[in-house]
Amino acid sequence: MKETARVFRALADPTRRQILQELKRGELAAGAITARFDISAPAISRHLAILKAADLVSERRDGNRIYYRLEADRLAAHVGDFLSQVCPTQFRQRRRIGRKAAS
């Protein structure tokens, strides 16, 4: 339950949600992320640390650059687990519909 709370706290902030949106297109360097926002680099760094602590992004270092990547499977797993607990009937129906569409 602590993990789910951490994920939803991370998702509660609009800047962090926008960072995730930016990362859905692929890995970005920290500087490239900062350049897309009108807030300071230290503020972006704090947002990235929160997202990383929630396991929603991962990082890799290349020289003096840090690259961030969206962990979409982890995000989907946390949100899916929450939805299956809160509205299990609806979740099962959507899963069934998704399987039929894939067939």
Protein backbone atom coordinates (compact mmCIF):
# COMPACT_ATOMS: atom_id res chain seq x y z
CA MET A 1 0.00 0.00 0.00
CA LYS A 2 2.94 2.35 0.64
CA GLU A 3 4.05 1.95 -2.97
CA THR A 4 0.59 2.84 -4.26
CA ALA A 5 0.47 5.92 -2.03
CA ARG A 6 3.90 7.00 -3.26
CA VAL A 7 2.78 6.58 -6.89
CA PHE A 8 -0.38 8.60 -6.43
CA ARG A 9 1.47 11.34 -4.53
CA ALA A 10 3.89 11.52 -7.45
CA LEU A 11 1.01 11.70 -9.93
CA ALA A 12 -0.80 14.40 -7.93
CA ASP A 13 1.44 17.18 -9.24
CA PRO A 14 0.71 18.53 -12.74
CA THR A 15 4.39 19.19 -13.48
CA ARG A 16 5.27 15.57 -12.73
CA ARG A 17 2.41 14.36 -14.92
CA GLN A 18 3.72 16.58 -17.72
CA ILE A 19 7.23 15.17 -17.27
CA LEU A 20 5.78 11.68 -17.70
CA GLN A 21 4.00 12.88 -20.85
CA GLU A 22 7.30 14.20 -22.21
CA LEU A 23 9.03 10.90 -21.45
CA LYS A 24 6.41 8.77 -23.20
CA ARG A 25 8.11 9.63 -26.49
CA GLY A 26 11.41 8.22 -25.24
CA GLU A 27 14.39 8.80 -23.04
CA LEU A 28 15.46 12.41 -22.39
CA ALA A 29 18.45 14.04 -20.75
CA ALA A 30 17.73 16.04 -17.61
CA GLY A 31 18.69 19.26 -19.41
CA ALA A 32 16.26 18.54 -22.24
CA ILE A 33 13.47 17.98 -19.72
CA THR A 34 14.31 21.22 -17.92
CA ALA A 35 14.28 23.14 -21.22
CA ARG A 36 10.63 22.17 -21.75
CA PHE A 37 9.45 23.87 -18.55
CA ASP A 38 9.37 27.41 -17.20
CA ILE A 39 10.69 26.40 -13.78
CA SER A 40 14.20 26.11 -12.42
CA ALA A 41 16.53 23.16 -12.95
CA PRO A 42 16.59 22.39 -9.19
CA ALA A 43 12.77 22.25 -9.17
CA ILE A 44 12.77 19.82 -12.12
CA SER A 45 15.44 17.78 -10.35
CA ARG A 46 13.18 17.49 -7.26
CA HIS A 47 10.25 16.40 -9.43
CA LEU A 48 12.43 13.78 -11.14
CA ALA A 49 13.62 12.50 -7.75
CA ILE A 50 10.01 12.04 -6.62
CA LEU A 51 9.13 10.21 -9.84
CA LYS A 52 12.20 8.02 -9.45
CA ALA A 53 11.37 7.24 -5.81
CA ALA A 54 7.92 6.13 -6.98
CA ASP A 55 9.59 3.89 -9.62
CA LEU A 56 7.80 5.74 -12.41
CA VAL A 57 11.05 6.76 -14.11
CA SER A 58 14.52 5.29 -14.22
CA GLU A 59 17.81 6.97 -14.93
CA ARG A 60 21.06 6.11 -16.59
CA ARG A 61 24.27 8.06 -16.65
CA ASP A 62 26.34 8.69 -19.74
CA GLY A 63 29.39 10.75 -18.85
CA ASN A 64 28.14 13.83 -17.06
CA ARG A 65 24.59 13.53 -18.42
CA ILE A 66 21.67 11.81 -16.76
CA TYR A 67 18.97 10.36 -18.99
CA TYR A 68 15.48 9.58 -17.73
CA ARG A 69 13.08 7.00 -19.08
CA LEU A 70 9.39 6.42 -18.32
CA GLU A 71 8.72 3.05 -16.68
CA ALA A 72 5.33 2.63 -18.34
CA ASP A 73 4.85 -0.98 -17.20
CA ARG A 74 5.33 0.00 -13.56
CA LEU A 75 2.92 2.90 -13.92
CA ALA A 76 0.32 0.65 -15.55
CA ALA A 77 0.80 -2.02 -12.89
CA HIS A 78 0.29 0.40 -9.99
CA VAL A 79 -2.73 2.09 -11.51
CA GLY A 80 -4.16 -1.26 -12.64
CA ASP A 81 -3.77 -2.75 -9.15
CA PHE A 82 -5.52 0.24 -7.65
CA LEU A 83 -8.37 0.09 -10.17
CA SER A 84 -8.83 -3.64 -9.67
CA GLN A 85 -9.26 -3.05 -5.93
CA VAL A 86 -11.55 -0.04 -6.20
CA CYS A 87 -13.76 -1.15 -9.07
CA PRO A 88 -13.02 -4.82 -9.77
CA THR A 89 -16.09 -5.42 -11.93
CA GLN A 90 -15.28 -2.54 -14.27
CA PHE A 91 -11.64 -3.62 -14.47
CA ARG A 92 -12.54 -7.20 -15.44
CA GLN A 93 -14.97 -5.94 -18.11
CA ARG A 94 -12.35 -3.70 -19.69
CA ARG A 95 -9.81 -6.51 -19.70
CA ARG A 96 -12.34 -8.80 -21.44
CA ILE A 97 -13.10 -6.12 -24.05
CA GLY A 98 -9.38 -5.61 -24.64
CA ARG A 99 -8.84 -9.33 -25.22
CA LYS A 100 -11.72 -9.50 -27.71
CA ALA A 101 -10.37 -6.51 -29.62
CA ALA A 102 -6.92 -8.12 -29.81
CA SER A 103 -8.33 -11.36 -31.25
